[in-house]
Amino acid sequence: MFANAVDGAIEDTPLFWWIIGFGGQLVFTSRFFVQWIASERARRSVVPTAFWWLSLTGGLLLLAYSIYRRDPVFIMAQATGGIIYVRNLMLIRRTREEEASS
């Protein structure tokens, strides 16, 4: 277990939560590399579907971690982001369905 300071006290955080927190941040950060590579290949700015899936997955992991840590600022940020990521995935799906039917 790791120890960290919270409100001036030392708190033992189970390794599981450190893995969730760092794993979420790793997934969340990886989306930038996916977007960058896709844009370089297309030679224009591109936001691939994988970007939104990585955003949602990383955001949900970070949300779980922030709830465990009881951090209201981080909770609000990740919960709000999740709504945006889901909405973008819905728009992508609708566009694909419309293109397939025409």
C-alpha atoms as a PDB file:
ATOM      1  CA  MET A   1       0.000   0.000   0.000  1.00  0.00           C
ATOM      2  CA  PHE A   2       1.023   3.599  -0.579  1.00  0.00           C
ATOM      3  CA  ALA A   3       0.568   6.445   1.848  1.00  0.00           C
ATOM      4  CA  ASN A   4      -0.351   9.982   0.863  1.00  0.00           C
ATOM      5  CA  ALA A   5      -1.383  13.148   2.629  1.00  0.00           C
ATOM      6  CA  VAL A   6      -5.062  14.113   2.646  1.00  0.00           C
ATOM      7  CA  ASP A   7      -6.264  16.997   4.811  1.00  0.00           C
ATOM      8  CA  GLY A   8      -2.941  16.907   6.640  1.00  0.00           C
ATOM      9  CA  ALA A   9      -3.358  13.239   7.628  1.00  0.00           C
ATOM     10  CA  ILE A  10      -1.679  10.153   6.226  1.00  0.00           C
ATOM     11  CA  GLU A  11      -4.118   7.826   4.499  1.00  0.00           C
ATOM     12  CA  ASP A  12      -3.412   4.301   3.336  1.00  0.00           C
ATOM     13  CA  THR A  13      -4.655   3.829  -0.184  1.00  0.00           C
ATOM     14  CA  PRO A  14      -5.006   0.231  -1.371  1.00  0.00           C
ATOM     15  CA  LEU A  15      -2.841  -0.646  -4.369  1.00  0.00           C
ATOM     16  CA  PHE A  16      -6.032  -1.457  -6.304  1.00  0.00           C
ATOM     17  CA  TRP A  17      -7.071   2.218  -6.265  1.00  0.00           C
ATOM     18  CA  TRP A  18      -3.631   3.399  -7.336  1.00  0.00           C
ATOM     19  CA  ILE A  19      -3.879   0.995 -10.290  1.00  0.00           C
ATOM     20  CA  ILE A  20      -7.369   2.316 -11.163  1.00  0.00           C
ATOM     21  CA  GLY A  21      -6.211   5.944 -10.915  1.00  0.00           C
ATOM     22  CA  PHE A  22      -2.988   5.560 -12.866  1.00  0.00           C
ATOM     23  CA  GLY A  23      -4.631   3.149 -15.338  1.00  0.00           C
ATOM     24  CA  GLY A  24      -7.425   5.628 -16.005  1.00  0.00           C
ATOM     25  CA  GLN A  25      -4.925   8.422 -16.526  1.00  0.00           C
ATOM     26  CA  LEU A  26      -2.867   6.239 -18.894  1.00  0.00           C
ATOM     27  CA  VAL A  27      -5.929   5.334 -20.992  1.00  0.00           C
ATOM     28  CA  PHE A  28      -7.127   8.941 -20.937  1.00  0.00           C
ATOM     29  CA  THR A  29      -3.716  10.236 -22.073  1.00  0.00           C
ATOM     30  CA  SER A  30      -3.380   7.598 -24.812  1.00  0.00           C
ATOM     31  CA  ARG A  31      -6.271   9.193 -26.689  1.00  0.00           C
ATOM     32  CA  PHE A  32      -4.048  12.148 -27.569  1.00  0.00           C
ATOM     33  CA  PHE A  33      -1.564   9.833 -29.263  1.00  0.00           C
ATOM     34  CA  VAL A  34      -4.379   8.139 -31.195  1.00  0.00           C
ATOM     35  CA  GLN A  35      -5.643  11.530 -32.370  1.00  0.00           C
ATOM     36  CA  TRP A  36      -2.163  12.755 -33.264  1.00  0.00           C
ATOM     37  CA  ILE A  37      -1.293   9.644 -35.295  1.00  0.00           C
ATOM     38  CA  ALA A  38      -4.643   9.735 -37.124  1.00  0.00           C
ATOM     39  CA  SER A  39      -4.158  13.420 -37.977  1.00  0.00           C
ATOM     40  CA  GLU A  40      -0.588  12.871 -39.188  1.00  0.00           C
ATOM     41  CA  ARG A  41      -1.701  10.022 -41.433  1.00  0.00           C
ATOM     42  CA  ALA A  42      -4.571  12.085 -42.873  1.00  0.00           C
ATOM     43  CA  ARG A  43      -2.444  15.248 -43.052  1.00  0.00           C
ATOM     44  CA  ARG A  44      -5.352  17.141 -41.440  1.00  0.00           C
ATOM     45  CA  SER A  45      -6.930  17.339 -38.004  1.00  0.00           C
ATOM     46  CA  VAL A  46      -8.894  14.162 -37.336  1.00  0.00           C
ATOM     47  CA  VAL A  47     -10.718  12.913 -34.267  1.00  0.00           C
ATOM     48  CA  PRO A  48     -11.183   9.135 -34.695  1.00  0.00           C
ATOM     49  CA  THR A  49     -13.878   7.129 -32.901  1.00  0.00           C
ATOM     50  CA  ALA A  50     -11.154   5.476 -30.785  1.00  0.00           C
ATOM     51  CA  PHE A  51     -10.443   8.910 -29.274  1.00  0.00           C
ATOM     52  CA  TRP A  52     -13.966   9.056 -27.857  1.00  0.00           C
ATOM     53  CA  TRP A  53     -13.889   5.430 -26.613  1.00  0.00           C
ATOM     54  CA  LEU A  54     -10.549   6.050 -24.874  1.00  0.00           C
ATOM     55  CA  SER A  55     -11.955   9.291 -23.440  1.00  0.00           C
ATOM     56  CA  LEU A  56     -15.000   7.470 -22.078  1.00  0.00           C
ATOM     57  CA  THR A  57     -13.045   4.509 -20.685  1.00  0.00           C
ATOM     58  CA  GLY A  58     -10.308   6.635 -19.123  1.00  0.00           C
ATOM     59  CA  GLY A  59     -12.871   9.117 -17.831  1.00  0.00           C
ATOM     60  CA  LEU A  60     -14.948   6.381 -16.161  1.00  0.00           C
ATOM     61  CA  LEU A  61     -11.852   4.904 -14.495  1.00  0.00           C
ATOM     62  CA  LEU A  62     -10.821   8.361 -13.313  1.00  0.00           C
ATOM     63  CA  LEU A  63     -14.380   9.006 -12.114  1.00  0.00           C
ATOM     64  CA  ALA A  64     -14.288   5.803 -10.042  1.00  0.00           C
ATOM     65  CA  TYR A  65     -10.944   6.857  -8.589  1.00  0.00           C
ATOM     66  CA  SER A  66     -12.145  10.387  -7.816  1.00  0.00           C
ATOM     67  CA  ILE A  67     -15.272   9.031  -6.106  1.00  0.00           C
ATOM     68  CA  TYR A  68     -13.080   6.782  -3.992  1.00  0.00           C
ATOM     69  CA  ARG A  69     -10.868   9.785  -3.172  1.00  0.00           C
ATOM     70  CA  ARG A  70     -13.980  11.918  -2.489  1.00  0.00           C
ATOM     71  CA  ASP A  71     -12.689  14.747  -4.663  1.00  0.00           C
ATOM     72  CA  PRO A  72     -15.746  16.809  -5.712  1.00  0.00           C
ATOM     73  CA  VAL A  73     -13.858  18.887  -8.292  1.00  0.00           C
ATOM     74  CA  PHE A  74     -12.448  15.811 -10.032  1.00  0.00           C
ATOM     75  CA  ILE A  75     -15.825  14.009  -9.762  1.00  0.00           C
ATOM     76  CA  MET A  76     -17.652  16.888 -11.469  1.00  0.00           C
ATOM     77  CA  ALA A  77     -15.019  17.186 -14.202  1.00  0.00           C
ATOM     78  CA  GLN A  78     -15.053  13.487 -15.067  1.00  0.00           C
ATOM     79  CA  ALA A  79     -18.843  13.119 -14.855  1.00  0.00           C
ATOM     80  CA  THR A  80     -19.329  16.117 -17.159  1.00  0.00           C
ATOM     81  CA  GLY A  81     -16.743  14.838 -19.616  1.00  0.00           C
ATOM     82  CA  GLY A  82     -18.477  11.459 -19.753  1.00  0.00           C
ATOM     83  CA  ILE A  83     -21.670  13.080 -21.019  1.00  0.00           C
ATOM     84  CA  ILE A  84     -19.741  14.766 -23.834  1.00  0.00           C
ATOM     85  CA  TYR A  85     -17.934  11.550 -24.816  1.00  0.00           C
ATOM     86  CA  VAL A  86     -21.177   9.539 -24.946  1.00  0.00           C
ATOM     87  CA  ARG A  87     -22.877  12.269 -26.989  1.00  0.00           C
ATOM     88  CA  ASN A  88     -20.046  12.285 -29.544  1.00  0.00           C
ATOM     89  CA  LEU A  89     -20.258   8.499 -29.862  1.00  0.00           C
ATOM     90  CA  MET A  90     -24.029   8.811 -30.399  1.00  0.00           C
ATOM     91  CA  LEU A  91     -23.488  11.409 -33.132  1.00  0.00           C
ATOM     92  CA  ILE A  92     -20.889   9.221 -34.844  1.00  0.00           C
ATOM     93  CA  ARG A  93     -23.247   6.237 -34.750  1.00  0.00           C
ATOM     94  CA  ARG A  94     -26.142   8.278 -36.156  1.00  0.00           C
ATOM     95  CA  THR A  95     -23.970   9.628 -38.969  1.00  0.00           C
ATOM     96  CA  ARG A  96     -22.793   6.126 -39.886  1.00  0.00           C
ATOM     97  CA  GLU A  97     -26.356   4.817 -39.882  1.00  0.00           C
ATOM     98  CA  GLU A  98     -27.499   7.698 -42.110  1.00  0.00           C
ATOM     99  CA  GLU A  99     -24.609   7.121 -44.519  1.00  0.00           C
ATOM    100  CA  ALA A 100     -25.365   3.383 -44.640  1.00  0.00           C
ATOM    101  CA  SER A 101     -29.041   3.954 -45.430  1.00  0.00           C
ATOM    102  CA  SER A 102     -28.410   6.416 -48.257  1.00  0.00           C
END
